[in-house]
C-alpha atoms as a PDB file:
ATOM      1  CA  MET A   1     135.874-176.712 152.013  1.00  0.00           C
ATOM      2  CA  SER A   2     136.983-176.622 148.265  1.00  0.00           C
ATOM      3  CA  GLY A   3     139.521-179.496 148.521  1.00  0.00           C
ATOM      4  CA  LYS A   4     139.638-181.345 150.695  1.00  0.00           C
ATOM      5  CA  ASN A   5     143.351-181.871 152.147  1.00  0.00           C
ATOM      6  CA  CYS A   6     142.559-186.055 152.060  1.00  0.00           C
ATOM      7  CA  ARG A   7     142.187-185.725 149.045  1.00  0.00           C
ATOM      8  CA  ASP A   8     144.830-182.998 147.612  1.00  0.00           C
ATOM      9  CA  PHE A   9     146.733-185.703 149.709  1.00  0.00           C
ATOM     10  CA  PHE A  10     145.853-188.777 147.601  1.00  0.00           C
ATOM     11  CA  SER A  11     145.810-186.667 144.464  1.00  0.00           C
ATOM     12  CA  PHE A  12     149.749-185.306 145.584  1.00  0.00           C
ATOM     13  CA  LEU A  13     151.155-188.716 147.046  1.00  0.00           C
ATOM     14  CA  PHE A  14     150.414-190.708 143.750  1.00  0.00           C
ATOM     15  CA  THR A  15     152.261-188.603 141.844  1.00  0.00           C
ATOM     16  CA  LYS A  16     155.169-188.571 143.627  1.00  0.00           C
ATOM     17  CA  ILE A  17     155.350-191.942 144.689  1.00  0.00           C
ATOM     18  CA  ILE A  18     158.730-193.259 145.853  1.00  0.00           C
ATOM     19  CA  LEU A  19     161.401-196.696 144.025  1.00  0.00           C
ATOM     20  CA  LEU A  20     162.715-199.240 143.561  1.00  0.00           C
ATOM     21  CA  LYS A  21     160.550-200.235 141.010  1.00  0.00           C
ATOM     22  CA  LYS A  22     161.697-202.057 137.513  1.00  0.00           C
ATOM     23  CA  PRO A  23     162.981-198.833 135.533  1.00  0.00           C
ATOM     24  CA  VAL A  24     161.174-196.818 133.327  1.00  0.00           C
ATOM     25  CA  ARG A  25     163.610-196.519 130.736  1.00  0.00           C
ATOM     26  CA  SER A  26     164.654-194.122 128.545  1.00  0.00           C
ATOM     27  CA  LYS A  27     165.877-194.117 124.734  1.00  0.00           C
ATOM     28  CA  VAL A  28     169.078-192.623 125.817  1.00  0.00           C
ATOM     29  CA  GLN A  29     171.558-194.695 127.671  1.00  0.00           C
ATOM     30  CA  THR A  30     174.311-192.301 129.130  1.00  0.00           C
ATOM     31  CA  ARG A  31     178.070-193.079 130.030  1.00  0.00           C
ATOM     32  CA  ARG A  32     179.718-192.777 132.938  1.00  0.00           C
ATOM     33  CA  LYS A  33     182.834-192.492 135.293  1.00  0.00           C
ATOM     34  CA  PRO A  34     183.799-195.058 137.881  1.00  0.00           C
ATOM     35  CA  PHE A  35     182.798-193.800 141.291  1.00  0.00           C
ATOM     36  CA  SER A  36     185.131-191.743 143.284  1.00  0.00           C
ATOM     37  CA  GLY A  37     184.204-189.803 147.050  1.00  0.00           C
ATOM     38  CA  ARG A  38     180.585-189.244 148.136  1.00  0.00           C
ATOM     39  CA  GLY A  39     179.180-189.090 144.820  1.00  0.00           C
ATOM     40  CA  PRO A  40     176.755-191.749 143.069  1.00  0.00           C
ATOM     41  CA  LYS A  41     178.471-194.792 142.045  1.00  0.00           C
ATOM     42  CA  LYS A  42     178.325-194.528 137.735  1.00  0.00           C
ATOM     43  CA  SER A  43     178.109-197.405 136.582  1.00  0.00           C
ATOM     44  CA  PRO A  44     180.020-198.357 133.169  1.00  0.00           C
ATOM     45  CA  VAL A  45     176.451-197.691 131.281  1.00  0.00           C
ATOM     46  CA  ARG A  46     173.370-196.850 132.844  1.00  0.00           C
ATOM     47  CA  GLU A  47     169.471-196.351 131.837  1.00  0.00           C
ATOM     48  CA  SER A  48     168.055-193.610 132.794  1.00  0.00           C
ATOM     49  CA  THR A  49     165.238-194.267 134.972  1.00  0.00           C
ATOM     50  CA  ALA A  50     161.666-191.689 135.312  1.00  0.00           C
ATOM     51  CA  TRP A  51     162.875-191.238 138.778  1.00  0.00           C
ATOM     52  CA  ASP A  52     166.061-190.421 137.551  1.00  0.00           C
ATOM     53  CA  GLN A  53     164.312-187.361 135.381  1.00  0.00           C
ATOM     54  CA  ALA A  54     161.816-186.424 138.134  1.00  0.00           C
ATOM     55  CA  ALA A  55     164.537-186.194 141.233  1.00  0.00           C
ATOM     56  CA  ARG A  56     165.429-182.783 141.578  1.00  0.00           C
ATOM     57  CA  TRP A  57     161.257-181.650 141.189  1.00  0.00           C
ATOM     58  CA  TYR A  58     160.953-184.546 144.663  1.00  0.00           C
ATOM     59  CA  ASP A  59     163.878-183.025 145.609  1.00  0.00           C
ATOM     60  CA  ALA A  60     162.661-179.917 146.194  1.00  0.00           C
ATOM     61  CA  LEU A  61     159.171-181.375 146.884  1.00  0.00           C
ATOM     62  CA  VAL A  62     160.357-183.371 149.823  1.00  0.00           C
ATOM     63  CA  GLY A  63     163.431-181.173 151.384  1.00  0.00           C
ATOM     64  CA  ASP A  64     165.934-181.679 153.983  1.00  0.00           C
ATOM     65  CA  HIS A  65     163.180-182.995 156.557  1.00  0.00           C
ATOM     66  CA  GLY A  66     160.473-184.717 154.725  1.00  0.00           C
ATOM     67  CA  SER A  67     156.380-183.702 154.421  1.00  0.00           C
ATOM     68  CA  ASP A  68     154.070-182.846 156.659  1.00  0.00           C
ATOM     69  CA  TYR A  69     152.489-186.153 156.516  1.00  0.00           C
ATOM     70  CA  GLN A  70     156.224-187.745 156.747  1.00  0.00           C
ATOM     71  CA  LYS A  71     156.809-184.984 159.675  1.00  0.00           C
ATOM     72  CA  ASP A  72     153.469-185.794 161.647  1.00  0.00           C
ATOM     73  CA  ILE A  73     152.558-188.816 161.559  1.00  0.00           C
ATOM     74  CA  ILE A  74     154.716-191.328 159.021  1.00  0.00           C
ATOM     75  CA  MET A  75     158.026-191.175 160.128  1.00  0.00           C
ATOM     76  CA  PRO A  76     157.188-191.400 164.598  1.00  0.00           C
ATOM     77  CA  GLY A  77     154.567-193.841 164.052  1.00  0.00           C
ATOM     78  CA  ALA A  78     157.565-196.169 161.774  1.00  0.00           C
ATOM     79  CA  PHE A  79     160.342-195.452 164.663  1.00  0.00           C
ATOM     80  CA  LYS A  80     158.389-196.662 167.474  1.00  0.00           C
ATOM     81  CA  LEU A  81     157.114-200.176 165.375  1.00  0.00           C
ATOM     82  CA  MET A  82     160.524-200.342 164.486  1.00  0.00           C
ATOM     83  CA  ASN A  83     161.171-200.955 168.594  1.00  0.00           C
ATOM     84  CA  LEU A  84     165.178-199.451 168.467  1.00  0.00           C
ATOM     85  CA  THR A  85     167.805-199.691 170.882  1.00  0.00           C
ATOM     86  CA  LYS A  86     170.524-196.946 170.163  1.00  0.00           C
ATOM     87  CA  GLY A  87     173.557-198.305 167.565  1.00  0.00           C
ATOM     88  CA  ASP A  88     171.288-200.598 165.952  1.00  0.00           C
ATOM     89  CA  GLN A  89     171.728-201.415 162.466  1.00  0.00           C
ATOM     90  CA  VAL A  90     168.902-200.199 159.939  1.00  0.00           C
ATOM     91  CA  LEU A  91     167.559-200.744 156.096  1.00  0.00           C
ATOM     92  CA  ASP A  92     166.175-197.392 154.707  1.00  0.00           C
ATOM     93  CA  LEU A  93     164.738-199.437 152.057  1.00  0.00           C
ATOM     94  CA  ALA A  94     163.906-197.045 149.304  1.00  0.00           C
ATOM     95  CA  CYS A  95     165.765-194.351 150.956  1.00  0.00           C
ATOM     96  CA  GLY A  96     165.047-191.825 147.929  1.00  0.00           C
ATOM     97  CA  GLN A  97     166.383-188.684 149.411  1.00  0.00           C
ATOM     98  CA  GLY A  98     167.559-189.915 152.760  1.00  0.00           C
ATOM     99  CA  VAL A  99     164.461-188.110 154.674  1.00  0.00           C
ATOM    100  CA  PHE A 100     164.316-190.661 157.105  1.00  0.00           C
ATOM    101  CA  SER A 101     167.323-191.904 156.809  1.00  0.00           C
ATOM    102  CA  ARG A 102     168.641-188.690 158.455  1.00  0.00           C
ATOM    103  CA  PHE A 103     165.770-189.068 161.111  1.00  0.00           C
ATOM    104  CA  LEU A 104     166.774-192.455 161.817  1.00  0.00           C
ATOM    105  CA  SER A 105     170.799-191.326 162.610  1.00  0.00           C
ATOM    106  CA  SER A 106     169.951-188.448 164.420  1.00  0.00           C
ATOM    107  CA  LYS A 107     168.620-191.122 166.271  1.00  0.00           C
ATOM    108  CA  GLY A 108     171.709-192.617 167.344  1.00  0.00           C
ATOM    109  CA  MET A 109     171.376-196.146 165.004  1.00  0.00           C
ATOM    110  CA  GLN A 110     173.219-197.035 162.079  1.00  0.00           C
ATOM    111  CA  VAL A 111     172.020-196.094 158.918  1.00  0.00           C
ATOM    112  CA  LYS A 112     172.186-197.650 155.281  1.00  0.00           C
ATOM    113  CA  GLY A 113     170.059-196.410 152.685  1.00  0.00           C
ATOM    114  CA  LEU A 114     168.933-198.390 149.443  1.00  0.00           C
ATOM    115  CA  ASP A 115     167.981-197.397 146.200  1.00  0.00           C
ATOM    116  CA  VAL A 116     167.199-197.579 142.767  1.00  0.00           C
ATOM    117  CA  SER A 117     167.714-193.791 141.648  1.00  0.00           C
ATOM    118  CA  GLU A 118     171.424-192.514 140.611  1.00  0.00           C
ATOM    119  CA  GLU A 119     170.359-189.213 140.896  1.00  0.00           C
ATOM    120  CA  LEU A 120     168.050-189.631 144.281  1.00  0.00           C
ATOM    121  CA  ILE A 121     171.151-191.514 145.329  1.00  0.00           C
ATOM    122  CA  GLY A 122     173.146-188.645 144.665  1.00  0.00           C
ATOM    123  CA  PHE A 123     171.155-185.936 146.450  1.00  0.00           C
ATOM    124  CA  ALA A 124     171.110-188.032 149.120  1.00  0.00           C
ATOM    125  CA  ARG A 125     174.191-187.487 149.692  1.00  0.00           C
ATOM    126  CA  THR A 126     174.591-184.374 149.653  1.00  0.00           C
ATOM    127  CA  ARG A 127     171.987-183.734 152.244  1.00  0.00           C
ATOM    128  CA  SER A 128     173.387-186.383 154.287  1.00  0.00           C
ATOM    129  CA  LYS A 129     176.942-186.853 156.822  1.00  0.00           C
ATOM    130  CA  PRO A 130     179.334-189.397 155.720  1.00  0.00           C
ATOM    131  CA  SER A 131     177.796-191.342 158.545  1.00  0.00           C
ATOM    132  CA  ILE A 132     174.942-193.064 156.112  1.00  0.00           C
ATOM    133  CA  ASN A 133     176.203-195.119 153.761  1.00  0.00           C
ATOM    134  CA  TYR A 134     173.730-195.262 151.076  1.00  0.00           C
ATOM    135  CA  HIS A 135     173.630-198.104 148.676  1.00  0.00           C
ATOM    136  CA  LEU A 136     172.653-197.664 144.297  1.00  0.00           C
ATOM    137  CA  ALA A 137     170.714-200.763 143.479  1.00  0.00           C
ATOM    138  CA  ASP A 138     168.127-202.875 142.647  1.00  0.00           C
ATOM    139  CA  ALA A 139     165.975-204.626 145.675  1.00  0.00           C
ATOM    140  CA  ARG A 140     165.561-207.489 144.170  1.00  0.00           C
ATOM    141  CA  LYS A 141     168.815-208.628 143.817  1.00  0.00           C
ATOM    142  CA  PRO A 142     170.458-210.707 147.431  1.00  0.00           C
ATOM    143  CA  ASP A 143     173.839-210.821 146.779  1.00  0.00           C
ATOM    144  CA  THR A 144     173.813-206.409 147.853  1.00  0.00           C
ATOM    145  CA  PHE A 145     173.853-207.432 151.476  1.00  0.00           C
ATOM    146  CA  LYS A 146     175.015-209.977 153.324  1.00  0.00           C
ATOM    147  CA  GLU A 147     172.725-212.378 155.464  1.00  0.00           C
ATOM    148  CA  ALA A 148     171.525-211.316 159.165  1.00  0.00           C
ATOM    149  CA  HIS A 149     173.001-208.205 158.678  1.00  0.00           C
ATOM    150  CA  PHE A 150     170.416-205.921 159.853  1.00  0.00           C
ATOM    151  CA  ASP A 151     168.471-205.252 163.372  1.00  0.00           C
ATOM    152  CA  VAL A 152     165.177-203.648 161.450  1.00  0.00           C
ATOM    153  CA  VAL A 153     164.647-203.365 157.556  1.00  0.00           C
ATOM    154  CA  VAL A 154     162.410-200.458 156.863  1.00  0.00           C
ATOM    155  CA  CYS A 155     160.102-198.967 153.611  1.00  0.00           C
ATOM    156  CA  LEU A 156     158.034-195.523 153.668  1.00  0.00           C
ATOM    157  CA  LEU A 157     155.616-195.606 151.018  1.00  0.00           C
ATOM    158  CA  ALA A 158     157.532-197.231 148.244  1.00  0.00           C
ATOM    159  CA  LEU A 159     155.906-200.089 148.448  1.00  0.00           C
ATOM    160  CA  GLN A 160     153.506-199.717 145.621  1.00  0.00           C
ATOM    161  CA  ASN A 161     155.684-198.861 143.044  1.00  0.00           C
ATOM    162  CA  MET A 162     157.683-202.025 143.489  1.00  0.00           C
ATOM    163  CA  GLU A 163     157.586-204.824 141.220  1.00  0.00           C
ATOM    164  CA  GLU A 164     158.327-208.381 142.692  1.00  0.00           C
ATOM    165  CA  ILE A 165     157.115-207.842 145.769  1.00  0.00           C
ATOM    166  CA  GLU A 166     157.578-211.868 147.141  1.00  0.00           C
ATOM    167  CA  THR A 167     161.541-211.334 145.638  1.00  0.00           C
ATOM    168  CA  ILE A 168     161.725-208.669 147.609  1.00  0.00           C
ATOM    169  CA  PHE A 169     159.859-210.094 150.540  1.00  0.00           C
ATOM    170  CA  GLN A 170     162.604-212.965 150.839  1.00  0.00           C
ATOM    171  CA  ASN A 171     165.518-210.778 150.138  1.00  0.00           C
ATOM    172  CA  VAL A 172     163.968-208.404 153.003  1.00  0.00           C
ATOM    173  CA  SER A 173     164.720-211.937 155.261  1.00  0.00           C
ATOM    174  CA  ARG A 174     167.320-212.851 154.402  1.00  0.00           C
ATOM    175  CA  TRP A 175     168.754-209.541 155.425  1.00  0.00           C
ATOM    176  CA  LEU A 176     167.641-209.809 159.110  1.00  0.00           C
ATOM    177  CA  LYS A 177     168.684-210.889 161.955  1.00  0.00           C
ATOM    178  CA  PRO A 178     166.703-213.926 163.549  1.00  0.00           C
ATOM    179  CA  ASP A 179     165.132-212.117 165.960  1.00  0.00           C
ATOM    180  CA  GLY A 180     164.851-208.862 163.044  1.00  0.00           C
ATOM    181  CA  ARG A 181     161.718-206.592 162.335  1.00  0.00           C
ATOM    182  CA  PHE A 182     160.541-205.536 158.948  1.00  0.00           C
ATOM    183  CA  VAL A 183     158.289-202.127 159.070  1.00  0.00           C
ATOM    184  CA  MET A 184     156.237-201.351 155.710  1.00  0.00           C
ATOM    185  CA  VAL A 185     154.043-198.078 155.328  1.00  0.00           C
ATOM    186  CA  VAL A 186     151.598-197.546 153.024  1.00  0.00           C
ATOM    187  CA  THR A 187     148.695-195.494 151.537  1.00  0.00           C
ATOM    188  CA  HIS A 188     146.305-197.503 152.594  1.00  0.00           C
ATOM    189  CA  PRO A 189     144.946-200.201 149.848  1.00  0.00           C
ATOM    190  CA  CYS A 190     141.289-200.956 151.040  1.00  0.00           C
ATOM    191  CA  PHE A 191     140.923-196.873 150.598  1.00  0.00           C
ATOM    192  CA  ARG A 192     143.689-195.217 148.850  1.00  0.00           C
ATOM    193  CA  ILE A 193     143.439-196.720 144.918  1.00  0.00           C
ATOM    194  CA  PRO A 194     144.129-194.354 142.440  1.00  0.00           C
ATOM    195  CA  ARG A 195     141.007-194.133 139.747  1.00  0.00           C
ATOM    196  CA  GLN A 196     139.204-196.688 141.730  1.00  0.00           C
ATOM    197  CA  THR A 197     138.135-194.672 144.812  1.00  0.00           C
ATOM    198  CA  HIS A 198     136.984-191.367 145.901  1.00  0.00           C
ATOM    199  CA  TRP A 199     134.915-188.503 148.264  1.00  0.00           C
ATOM    200  CA  GLY A 200     131.589-188.368 147.801  1.00  0.00           C
ATOM    201  CA  TRP A 201     128.840-186.512 149.801  1.00  0.00           C
ATOM    202  CA  ASP A 202     125.436-188.083 150.807  1.00  0.00           C
ATOM    203  CA  GLU A 203     123.550-184.674 150.768  1.00  0.00           C
ATOM    204  CA  GLU A 204     119.940-186.737 152.287  1.00  0.00           C
ATOM    205  CA  LYS A 205     121.922-188.068 155.435  1.00  0.00           C
ATOM    206  CA  LYS A 206     125.137-184.606 155.595  1.00  0.00           C
ATOM    207  CA  ILE A 207     127.952-187.127 155.210  1.00  0.00           C
ATOM    208  CA  GLU A 208     131.293-187.278 154.252  1.00  0.00           C
ATOM    209  CA  TYR A 209     132.035-191.639 152.219  1.00  0.00           C
ATOM    210  CA  ARG A 210     134.753-193.311 150.609  1.00  0.00           C
ATOM    211  CA  ARG A 211     133.419-194.426 147.485  1.00  0.00           C
ATOM    212  CA  VAL A 212     135.745-197.704 146.653  1.00  0.00           C
ATOM    213  CA  ASP A 213     135.034-198.812 143.337  1.00  0.00           C
ATOM    214  CA  ARG A 214     137.247-201.779 142.917  1.00  0.00           C
ATOM    215  CA  TYR A 215     140.008-203.857 145.796  1.00  0.00           C
ATOM    216  CA  ALA A 216     139.994-207.327 145.371  1.00  0.00           C
ATOM    217  CA  SER A 217     142.368-207.494 142.402  1.00  0.00           C
ATOM    218  CA  ASP A 218     145.664-205.978 141.565  1.00  0.00           C
ATOM    219  CA  LEU A 219     146.301-203.500 140.139  1.00  0.00           C
ATOM    220  CA  SER A 220     149.479-201.794 137.820  1.00  0.00           C
ATOM    221  CA  ILE A 221     148.612-198.126 136.859  1.00  0.00           C
ATOM    222  CA  PRO A 222     150.367-195.372 135.334  1.00  0.00           C
ATOM    223  CA  ILE A 223     151.119-191.744 137.020  1.00  0.00           C
ATOM    224  CA  ILE A 224     152.252-189.531 135.270  1.00  0.00           C
ATOM    225  CA  THR A 225     155.833-188.269 137.006  1.00  0.00           C
ATOM    226  CA  PRO A 226     156.092-185.627 137.764  1.00  0.00           C
ATOM    227  CA  PRO A 227     152.886-184.260 137.621  1.00  0.00           C
ATOM    228  CA  VAL A 228     153.922-180.929 135.153  1.00  0.00           C
ATOM    229  CA  ALA A 229     152.876-179.388 131.509  1.00  0.00           C
ATOM    230  CA  GLY A 230     154.561-181.415 129.557  1.00  0.00           C
ATOM    231  CA  SER A 231     155.668-184.027 131.082  1.00  0.00           C
ATOM    232  CA  SER A 232     155.947-187.333 129.594  1.00  0.00           C
ATOM    233  CA  GLY A 233     157.468-189.565 132.670  1.00  0.00           C
ATOM    234  CA  HIS A 234     155.266-191.942 134.189  1.00  0.00           C
ATOM    235  CA  THR A 235     156.127-194.272 137.269  1.00  0.00           C
ATOM    236  CA  LEU A 236     153.374-196.778 138.038  1.00  0.00           C
ATOM    237  CA  THR A 237     151.484-197.319 141.167  1.00  0.00           C
ATOM    238  CA  HIS A 238     150.630-201.279 142.077  1.00  0.00           C
ATOM    239  CA  HIS A 239     147.837-201.747 144.418  1.00  0.00           C
ATOM    240  CA  ARG A 240     147.397-204.574 145.786  1.00  0.00           C
ATOM    241  CA  SER A 241     145.247-206.419 148.671  1.00  0.00           C
ATOM    242  CA  LEU A 242     145.759-207.252 151.944  1.00  0.00           C
ATOM    243  CA  GLN A 243     145.585-210.518 150.870  1.00  0.00           C
ATOM    244  CA  THR A 244     148.193-210.036 148.760  1.00  0.00           C
ATOM    245  CA  TYR A 245     150.523-207.986 151.196  1.00  0.00           C
ATOM    246  CA  PHE A 246     150.430-211.005 154.174  1.00  0.00           C
ATOM    247  CA  THR A 247     150.793-214.658 151.683  1.00  0.00           C
ATOM    248  CA  ALA A 248     153.908-212.388 150.387  1.00  0.00           C
ATOM    249  CA  LEU A 249     155.263-212.124 153.758  1.00  0.00           C
ATOM    250  CA  ALA A 250     154.371-215.108 154.959  1.00  0.00           C
ATOM    251  CA  GLY A 251     155.804-216.908 151.391  1.00  0.00           C
ATOM    252  CA  ALA A 252     159.296-215.302 152.278  1.00  0.00           C
ATOM    253  CA  GLY A 253     159.212-216.875 155.891  1.00  0.00           C
ATOM    254  CA  MET A 254     157.740-213.770 158.045  1.00  0.00           C
ATOM    255  CA  TRP A 255     154.662-213.066 159.921  1.00  0.00           C
ATOM    256  CA  VAL A 256     152.967-209.911 161.049  1.00  0.00           C
ATOM    257  CA  GLU A 257     153.071-209.207 164.411  1.00  0.00           C
ATOM    258  CA  GLY A 258     151.698-205.732 164.622  1.00  0.00           C
ATOM    259  CA  LEU A 259     149.424-203.494 162.296  1.00  0.00           C
ATOM    260  CA  LYS A 260     148.326-199.926 162.532  1.00  0.00           C
ATOM    261  CA  GLU A 261     146.328-198.050 160.486  1.00  0.00           C
ATOM    262  CA  TRP A 262     146.857-194.169 160.508  1.00  0.00           C
ATOM    263  CA  ALA A 263     144.358-191.446 160.012  1.00  0.00           C
ATOM    264  CA  SER A 264     145.328-187.803 158.532  1.00  0.00           C
ATOM    265  CA  LYS A 265     145.600-185.243 161.327  1.00  0.00           C
ATOM    266  CA  LYS A 266     144.813-182.153 159.056  1.00  0.00           C
ATOM    267  CA  GLU A 267     141.541-180.367 159.716  1.00  0.00           C
ATOM    268  CA  SER A 268     138.878-178.555 157.000  1.00  0.00           C
ATOM    269  CA  GLN A 269     138.179-174.585 156.705  1.00  0.00           C
ATOM    270  CA  PRO A 270     135.172-173.815 158.201  1.00  0.00           C
ATOM    271  CA  GLY A 271     132.560-174.272 156.258  1.00  0.00           C
ATOM    272  CA  LYS A 272     129.008-176.681 155.693  1.00  0.00           C
ATOM    273  CA  ARG A 273     130.593-180.061 155.399  1.00  0.00           C
ATOM    274  CA  ALA A 274     133.831-179.194 157.651  1.00  0.00           C
ATOM    275  CA  LYS A 275     132.341-181.340 160.906  1.00  0.00           C
ATOM    276  CA  ALA A 276     131.416-184.157 158.542  1.00  0.00           C
ATOM    277  CA  GLU A 277     134.807-184.030 156.760  1.00  0.00           C
ATOM    278  CA  ASN A 278     136.662-183.991 159.836  1.00  0.00           C
ATOM    279  CA  ARG A 279     134.955-186.955 160.708  1.00  0.00           C
ATOM    280  CA  ALA A 280     135.143-189.101 157.692  1.00  0.00           C
ATOM    281  CA  ARG A 281     139.133-187.833 157.509  1.00  0.00           C
ATOM    282  CA  LYS A 282     139.736-189.439 160.772  1.00  0.00           C
ATOM    283  CA  GLU A 283     136.964-192.789 160.660  1.00  0.00           C
ATOM    284  CA  ILE A 284     139.051-193.825 156.912  1.00  0.00           C
ATOM    285  CA  PRO A 285     142.202-194.094 157.550  1.00  0.00           C
ATOM    286  CA  LEU A 286     145.593-193.018 155.192  1.00  0.00           C
ATOM    287  CA  PHE A 287     148.261-195.159 155.631  1.00  0.00           C
ATOM    288  CA  LEU A 288     148.860-198.973 156.771  1.00  0.00           C
ATOM    289  CA  SER A 289     151.935-200.073 158.872  1.00  0.00           C
ATOM    290  CA  LEU A 290     152.942-203.654 159.497  1.00  0.00           C
ATOM    291  CA  CYS A 291     155.306-204.849 161.305  1.00  0.00           C
ATOM    292  CA  ALA A 292     156.877-208.483 160.545  1.00  0.00           C
ATOM    293  CA  ARG A 293     159.269-210.759 161.934  1.00  0.00           C
ATOM    294  CA  PRO A 294     161.228-213.766 160.451  1.00  0.00           C
ATOM    295  CA  VAL A 295     159.474-217.232 161.028  1.00  0.00           C
ATOM    296  CA  PRO A 296     161.725-218.276 163.917  1.00  0.00           C
ATOM    297  CA  ALA A 297     163.691-221.813 162.677  1.00  0.00           C
ATOM    298  CA  LYS A 298     162.236-225.000 163.933  1.00  0.00           C
ATOM    299  CA  PRO A 299     163.972-226.599 166.549  1.00  0.00           C
ATOM    300  CA  ASP A 300     166.053-230.106 165.588  1.00  0.00           C
ATOM    301  CA  LYS A 301     164.195-232.930 166.076  1.00  0.00           C
ATOM    302  CA  LYS A 302     166.655-234.888 167.386  1.00  0.00           C
ATOM    303  CA  SER A 303     168.022-232.283 170.076  1.00  0.00           C
END
């Protein structure tokens, strides 16, 4: 196949990745009128983020229902891990323009969405029913929601764009009910690192393999966003090892009760390498999902 589907997605994903990172600031500040109606909540003085500048491109790319990967793998897989009951309170963390928020709402959940991009929140409100409550805020700020408010907090394909995940995980733990769950999905940190992992072909063995140049070191990698000619904006992709994620979750008082690795469902076009490519695609997962829960409080010794 002339362009392996996994390679195509790898390039796509790390040029569109979503949100809740420290804003990449533009030089021009924009003044906004106070919020009214269902449009974005405007702050009096606001600095544009890179995702505000790329919002129209991203909204057109994802649409109402998400990409094939979101529809076929990520959303149904995450929904299963969340183990929800109709009417549960759910926070879609880094909701973007609301694809998963709408999915959850259609399943009968009470949904709130949180994102740092004013433009994407605007698209989310435009595309969604009024029953979904979207919040324009930074996930690092603890006072955005009340403590013990949500049955589930979910974050899809955004953590690799967040700075200070230790602070964010602490807030997630604070916002969850004692028996709540935090479900996160990222591109697999062992095999999908921008510029540090690549597909290769072994001519002698006739196998497709995944080359990994770096893994253990945490990395911040700038990605041009949107990936179009003349674009000067960029976002940062933060690679973190499994150890980093697990340590941050434990530091926030959460333990991991489930881990799933999801492979691509794409198939190569017929050709000499198609069989090897399909086998490699199934053996080397594209996504990693974790389900974590707050550590139960220790009982009072006196009781």
